[in-house]
Amino acid sequence: MTKIAKLLVSLALILTGLYMAVFGNTWGPFLFERLETTEAGTWVTLIVPFLPMVFIGMGATLFTARR
């Protein structure tokens, strides 16, 4: 992976995570409505609030990776 592509992907992940953290009222209710209809979805709803941190963490990890 070239350095520029790695930088762009990491920047996209970080910006997506920031968008999800700031505008959680736009994507959160939609996702919660879809997940509550299934039994497994009720367990997944416990993880949904942490999704922005996952995106930001993945982007930061990719940004600081040396390879």
Protein backbone atom coordinates (compact mmCIF):
# COMPACT_ATOMS: atom_id res chain seq x y z
CA MET A 1 0.00 0.00 0.00
CA THR A 2 1.49 3.31 -0.95
CA LYS A 3 1.96 6.02 1.63
CA ILE A 4 -0.57 8.32 0.02
CA ALA A 5 -3.25 5.63 -0.13
CA LYS A 6 -2.59 4.68 3.50
CA LEU A 7 -2.85 8.33 4.50
CA LEU A 8 -6.13 8.79 2.60
CA VAL A 9 -7.72 5.65 4.05
CA SER A 10 -6.68 6.55 7.59
CA LEU A 11 -7.97 10.09 7.14
CA ALA A 12 -11.28 8.76 5.79
CA LEU A 13 -11.66 6.43 8.78
CA ILE A 14 -10.91 9.19 11.27
CA LEU A 15 -13.30 11.63 9.60
CA THR A 16 -16.02 8.97 9.44
CA GLY A 17 -15.59 8.30 13.15
CA LEU A 18 -15.76 12.00 13.94
CA TYR A 19 -18.89 12.36 11.82
CA MET A 20 -20.47 9.43 13.62
CA ALA A 21 -19.60 10.92 17.02
CA VAL A 22 -20.89 14.40 16.21
CA PHE A 23 -23.97 13.48 14.20
CA GLY A 24 -25.06 10.37 16.10
CA ASN A 25 -28.65 11.60 16.07
CA THR A 26 -28.82 11.05 12.31
CA TRP A 27 -27.52 7.49 12.00
CA GLY A 28 -28.16 6.14 15.52
CA PRO A 29 -31.97 5.89 15.58
CA PHE A 30 -32.03 4.35 12.11
CA LEU A 31 -29.58 1.65 13.15
CA PHE A 32 -31.29 1.00 16.50
CA GLU A 33 -34.67 0.53 14.79
CA ARG A 34 -33.23 -2.02 12.39
CA LEU A 35 -31.33 -3.96 15.06
CA GLU A 36 -34.13 -4.21 17.62
CA THR A 37 -36.24 -6.39 15.32
CA THR A 38 -33.96 -9.41 15.77
CA GLU A 39 -32.83 -11.22 18.87
CA ALA A 40 -29.15 -10.94 17.99
CA GLY A 41 -29.67 -7.27 17.20
CA THR A 42 -30.53 -6.50 20.82
CA TRP A 43 -27.02 -7.60 21.78
CA VAL A 44 -25.45 -5.64 18.96
CA THR A 45 -27.19 -2.46 20.14
CA LEU A 46 -24.92 -2.55 23.18
CA ILE A 47 -21.89 -2.12 20.89
CA VAL A 48 -23.33 0.56 18.57
CA PRO A 49 -22.40 3.57 20.78
CA PHE A 50 -18.74 2.54 20.55
CA LEU A 51 -18.63 2.45 16.72
CA PRO A 52 -17.22 5.99 16.34
CA MET A 53 -14.33 5.09 18.64
CA VAL A 54 -13.64 1.97 16.58
CA PHE A 55 -13.41 3.97 13.35
CA ILE A 56 -11.19 6.62 14.93
CA GLY A 57 -8.97 3.94 16.51
CA MET A 58 -8.59 2.04 13.25
CA GLY A 59 -7.72 5.23 11.39
CA ALA A 60 -5.18 6.29 14.02
CA THR A 61 -3.61 2.84 14.04
CA LEU A 62 -3.30 2.83 10.27
CA PHE A 63 -1.94 6.39 10.30
CA THR A 64 0.84 5.52 12.75
CA ALA A 65 1.70 2.11 11.24
CA ARG A 66 5.18 2.06 9.77
CA ARG A 67 4.56 -0.56 7.11
